[in-house]
Protein backbone atom coordinates (compact mmCIF):
# COMPACT_ATOMS: atom_id res chain seq x y z
CA MET A 1 108.51 87.10 80.25
CA TRP A 2 105.45 89.09 81.35
CA LYS A 3 104.91 87.10 84.55
CA LYS A 4 108.59 88.12 85.77
CA LEU A 5 107.61 91.71 85.76
CA ALA A 6 107.05 92.70 89.49
CA LEU A 7 105.54 95.97 90.73
CA ALA A 8 107.94 97.87 93.24
CA PHE A 9 107.40 99.35 96.68
CA CYS A 10 104.35 101.27 98.09
CA LEU A 11 104.43 104.21 100.27
CA GLY A 12 100.82 104.23 100.94
CA ALA A 13 100.01 107.45 102.62
CA GLY A 14 96.47 108.43 102.20
CA ALA A 15 95.87 111.49 100.07
CA THR A 16 94.00 112.85 96.94
CA ALA A 17 95.72 111.43 93.79
CA ALA A 18 96.87 113.54 90.79
CA GLN A 19 94.50 113.66 87.75
CA ALA A 20 95.32 111.72 84.72
CA ALA A 21 96.64 113.57 81.80
CA ASP A 22 93.94 114.86 79.43
CA THR A 23 95.03 112.54 76.66
CA ALA A 24 92.49 110.56 74.87
CA VAL A 25 93.05 106.85 73.88
CA THR A 26 92.74 107.15 70.32
CA PRO A 27 92.38 104.01 68.07
CA ALA A 28 95.87 104.52 66.82
CA VAL A 29 97.24 104.95 70.21
CA GLU A 30 95.48 101.71 71.55
CA LYS A 31 96.75 99.78 68.68
CA THR A 32 100.49 100.99 69.19
CA VAL A 33 100.08 100.17 72.80
CA ARG A 34 98.58 96.72 72.37
CA ALA A 35 101.42 96.14 69.88
CA ALA A 36 104.02 96.98 72.41
CA ILE A 37 102.35 94.85 74.97
CA ALA A 38 101.89 91.78 72.50
CA SER A 39 105.68 91.96 71.93
CA PHE A 40 106.41 90.25 75.16
CA GLY A 41 104.79 87.23 74.00
CA PRO A 42 101.50 85.45 73.24
CA GLY A 43 98.94 85.03 76.14
CA VAL A 44 99.09 88.40 77.59
CA HIS A 45 95.37 89.65 77.91
CA ILE A 46 95.02 93.48 78.14
CA GLU A 47 92.15 94.49 80.48
CA SER A 48 92.32 98.13 80.28
CA ILE A 49 94.26 101.03 78.55
CA ALA A 50 93.83 104.55 80.06
CA ALA A 51 95.58 107.81 80.04
CA ALA A 52 98.34 108.06 82.72
CA PRO A 53 99.25 111.22 85.00
CA ILE A 54 102.46 111.12 83.13
CA PRO A 55 102.12 113.08 79.93
CA GLY A 56 102.68 110.76 76.78
CA PHE A 57 102.19 107.63 78.73
CA TYR A 58 99.27 105.29 78.91
CA ARG A 59 98.38 102.91 82.19
CA VAL A 60 97.85 99.26 81.16
CA ILE A 61 96.62 96.53 83.23
CA ALA A 62 97.46 93.38 81.65
CA SER A 63 97.41 89.74 82.92
CA GLY A 64 97.52 90.88 86.78
CA GLN A 65 100.22 93.44 86.06
CA MET A 66 100.30 97.28 85.83
CA VAL A 67 102.63 99.04 83.59
CA TYR A 68 103.08 102.51 81.69
CA VAL A 69 103.54 102.39 78.06
CA SER A 70 104.62 105.54 75.80
CA ALA A 71 102.28 106.63 73.17
CA ASP A 72 104.87 105.80 70.57
CA GLY A 73 105.18 102.10 72.03
CA LYS A 74 108.83 102.47 72.53
CA TYR A 75 109.04 102.65 76.22
CA MET A 76 107.59 101.08 79.31
CA LEU A 77 107.68 101.82 82.86
CA ASN A 78 107.23 99.00 85.31
CA GLY A 79 106.85 100.07 88.72
CA ASP A 80 104.92 102.23 91.51
CA LEU A 81 103.90 105.75 90.49
CA VAL A 82 103.89 107.93 93.12
CA ASP A 83 102.49 111.45 93.62
CA ILE A 84 105.60 113.03 95.42
CA ALA A 85 103.60 115.80 97.15
CA SER A 86 101.29 113.50 98.88
CA ARG A 87 103.45 110.52 98.90
CA HIS A 88 100.62 108.66 97.60
CA SER A 89 100.64 105.47 95.10
CA LEU A 90 98.67 106.17 91.96
CA ASN A 91 98.99 102.60 91.28
CA ASP A 92 96.94 101.76 94.18
CA ASP A 93 94.19 103.99 93.21
CA ALA A 94 94.00 102.41 89.65
CA TRP A 95 94.03 99.06 91.15
CA ALA A 96 91.16 99.88 93.58
CA SER A 97 88.94 101.00 90.91
CA PHE A 98 89.60 98.25 88.54
CA ARG A 99 89.24 95.70 91.16
CA LYS A 100 86.04 97.26 92.52
CA ALA A 101 84.34 97.20 89.28
CA GLN A 102 85.70 93.79 88.50
CA LEU A 103 84.44 92.25 91.97
CA ALA A 104 81.06 93.80 91.21
CA THR A 105 80.58 91.44 88.40
CA VAL A 106 80.50 88.13 90.80
CA PRO A 107 76.93 87.59 92.11
CA ALA A 108 76.32 86.65 95.66
CA ALA A 109 74.97 83.31 94.46
CA GLN A 110 78.41 82.36 93.55
CA ARG A 111 80.15 83.47 96.60
CA ILE A 112 80.13 81.78 99.96
CA VAL A 113 78.84 84.52 102.27
CA TYR A 114 78.98 85.23 106.05
CA ALA A 115 76.97 88.25 106.85
CA PRO A 116 76.30 89.86 110.31
CA ALA A 117 72.89 91.16 111.42
CA HIS A 118 74.28 94.76 111.53
CA ARG A 119 76.90 95.12 108.82
CA LYS A 120 79.67 97.64 109.07
CA THR A 121 81.70 96.58 105.99
CA THR A 122 82.35 93.69 103.70
CA LEU A 123 85.29 91.71 102.87
CA THR A 124 85.95 89.87 99.61
CA VAL A 125 88.32 86.94 100.15
CA PHE A 126 89.91 84.81 97.66
CA THR A 127 90.54 81.59 99.53
CA ASP A 128 92.06 78.24 99.20
CA VAL A 129 90.50 75.54 101.54
CA ASN A 130 93.98 74.13 102.30
CA CYS A 131 96.33 77.16 103.09
CA GLY A 132 97.19 77.65 106.61
CA PHE A 133 96.29 81.38 107.04
CA CYS A 134 92.87 80.77 105.24
CA ARG A 135 92.19 78.27 107.65
CA LYS A 136 93.24 80.45 110.52
CA LEU A 137 91.20 83.35 109.26
CA HIS A 138 87.97 81.10 109.08
CA GLU A 139 88.36 79.92 112.55
CA HIS A 140 87.45 83.39 113.34
CA ILE A 141 84.64 83.76 111.20
CA ASP A 142 82.23 84.35 114.21
CA ASP A 143 84.54 87.10 115.60
CA PHE A 144 84.25 88.84 112.27
CA LEU A 145 80.74 88.71 112.22
CA LYS A 146 80.22 89.88 115.95
CA ALA A 147 82.24 93.05 114.82
CA GLY A 148 79.83 93.65 111.93
CA ILE A 149 82.34 92.44 109.32
CA ALA A 150 80.83 90.39 106.50
CA VAL A 151 83.16 87.98 104.71
CA GLU A 152 82.50 86.70 101.12
CA TYR A 153 84.62 84.09 99.84
CA LEU A 154 85.86 83.47 96.32
CA ALA A 155 87.46 80.29 95.15
CA TRP A 156 91.41 80.64 94.59
CA PRO A 157 93.11 77.24 94.37
CA ARG A 158 96.65 78.10 94.81
CA GLU A 159 97.76 74.93 92.71
CA GLY A 160 95.93 76.43 90.05
CA VAL A 161 93.19 74.74 87.76
CA THR A 162 95.04 72.02 85.90
CA THR A 163 98.36 70.29 86.09
CA THR A 164 101.21 70.44 83.96
CA ALA A 165 99.66 67.15 82.59
CA GLY A 166 96.39 69.07 81.90
CA ARG A 167 94.59 67.25 84.75
CA PRO A 168 92.38 68.99 87.44
CA THR A 169 94.49 69.79 90.38
CA PRO A 170 93.72 68.14 93.80
CA THR A 171 92.77 71.51 95.32
CA TYR A 172 90.72 72.57 92.34
CA THR A 173 88.73 69.36 92.46
CA GLU A 174 88.27 69.80 96.20
CA MET A 175 86.96 73.33 96.00
CA VAL A 176 84.51 72.31 93.08
CA SER A 177 83.21 69.71 95.54
CA VAL A 178 82.62 72.30 98.05
CA TRP A 179 80.84 74.87 95.69
CA CYS A 180 78.82 71.99 94.37
CA ALA A 181 77.60 70.90 97.86
CA ALA A 182 74.08 71.26 98.67
CA ASP A 183 75.26 72.94 102.03
CA ARG A 184 77.92 74.70 100.75
CA LYS A 185 78.81 76.39 104.07
CA SER A 186 78.98 73.26 106.07
CA ALA A 187 81.21 71.73 103.33
CA PHE A 188 83.46 74.68 103.36
CA THR A 189 84.02 74.93 106.96
CA ALA A 190 84.80 70.97 106.96
CA ALA A 191 87.19 71.45 104.31
CA LYS A 192 88.88 74.39 106.19
CA GLN A 193 89.12 71.76 109.22
CA GLY A 194 90.89 69.22 106.95
CA HIS A 195 87.98 67.12 106.13
CA ALA A 196 87.70 66.50 102.35
CA PRO A 197 84.23 66.98 100.94
CA LYS A 198 82.15 64.24 99.05
CA PRO A 199 83.34 64.38 95.45
CA LEU A 200 80.94 66.34 93.49
CA SER A 201 80.74 68.04 90.12
CA CYS A 202 78.37 70.60 88.59
CA ASP A 203 78.13 73.97 86.83
CA ASN A 204 80.48 75.93 89.26
CA PRO A 205 82.37 79.17 89.22
CA VAL A 206 85.69 77.90 90.70
CA LYS A 207 87.76 78.16 87.61
CA ALA A 208 86.10 81.59 86.69
CA GLN A 209 87.05 82.89 90.27
CA TYR A 210 90.38 81.69 89.74
CA GLU A 211 90.97 83.54 86.80
CA LEU A 212 89.46 86.78 87.93
CA GLY A 213 91.96 86.75 90.90
CA GLU A 214 94.89 86.28 88.35
CA ARG A 215 93.21 89.38 86.50
CA LEU A 216 93.34 91.22 89.77
CA GLY A 217 96.97 90.35 90.41
CA VAL A 218 96.15 87.81 93.45
CA ASN A 219 99.16 85.51 93.76
CA GLY A 220 98.43 84.04 97.11
CA THR A 221 95.88 83.31 99.81
CA PRO A 222 94.15 84.61 101.55
CA ALA A 223 93.80 87.90 99.35
CA ILE A 224 91.44 90.29 100.99
CA PHE A 225 89.78 93.22 99.50
CA THR A 226 87.60 95.94 100.90
CA PRO A 227 84.48 97.37 99.13
CA ASP A 228 86.14 100.14 97.38
CA GLY A 229 88.91 97.69 95.90
CA ARG A 230 91.70 98.20 98.15
CA GLN A 231 93.75 95.07 99.07
CA LEU A 232 94.30 94.68 102.88
CA GLY A 233 96.85 92.07 102.01
CA GLY A 234 96.92 88.61 103.60
CA TYR A 235 95.74 87.58 107.08
CA VAL A 236 93.97 90.22 109.16
CA THR A 237 92.09 90.31 112.36
CA PRO A 238 88.71 92.00 112.89
CA ALA A 239 90.47 94.71 114.71
CA ASP A 240 92.64 95.32 111.63
CA VAL A 241 89.73 95.69 109.46
CA LEU A 242 87.86 98.10 111.87
CA ASP A 243 90.96 100.35 112.05
CA ASP A 244 91.22 100.26 108.44
CA LEU A 245 87.43 101.29 108.19
CA ARG A 246 88.21 104.30 110.62
CA LYS A 247 90.91 105.28 108.40
CA HIS A 248 89.23 104.77 105.02
CA PRO A 249 85.45 105.38 105.89
CA LEU A 250 84.53 104.92 102.04
CA GLY A 251 85.35 101.35 102.57
CA GLY A 252 82.37 100.91 104.60
CA ASN A 253 79.11 98.91 102.96
C-alpha cells in the first residue's frame, strides 16, 4: 500500500544541490508515470511530476510521499536521493520548494497569526489543540514574539477529520469551533490550556488545512516550516529557530 512507503535517512548537510537532468516531462512520459503510480491502488493523488537528477527517472510527489519512477514505468526508487559530493539531500530541496509554494496559497485570514513588532522570520505550524508538545510550544508564544519570530498556525487535528463511522472526530469538531470563534486567538489559547471552546460551526478551513498537511507529508504535530519550505521538525525553542536562521539566512522573512 502507498501509505506504507516511508522515506529513508537524511544526511542534511547544507550545500548546493545537483541540477535535475535536462529531461522534459512529455505527455507520453507523464501518462506512463501516472499509470505506474496508479498501480498501487486508487486514491493516490499525484501533486507533481518533474525530471529527476537521475537520468531516466522522474520525481513524483503524491499523497504526502516522494518517489522516483523510471520513464518506462517499470522501476520506482523509494528513498532519500543524496548528492554524494556535498552529502546533501536532494529530496529536502524538492520538498522545500513544493511546500513553500503550497503554503503560500493559504491566506493570512485562514491562519491564527502571532506576529512580533519587528519580525526576523516566520514559522508556519500545523497544530492540534490537544497534543502535548503543541501546548508546550504555545506556552512560550511570548518568547517567540520577543525573539522576533512570528508564528502562524494551521489546523491539523491528529485524529483526522472523520471517524471510521464517518462522523467528525472530537478534535476536528473542537478545532472548527476555535476557527469559528469571534475571538479566534482567545479560543485557541483556551483550548491549548484544556478548556473546550463553545461549540460553533461556520465556513472554515480546518478540513482543507488538514488535507494540505497530508499533501506536504505532515504525519504529526507540531509540524513546523520555515519561509523557504524547510521542515524544522516538531517542538523547537526560539533559540533553535534563531540558530537555524543564522545557518540558513534565506529562511528569514
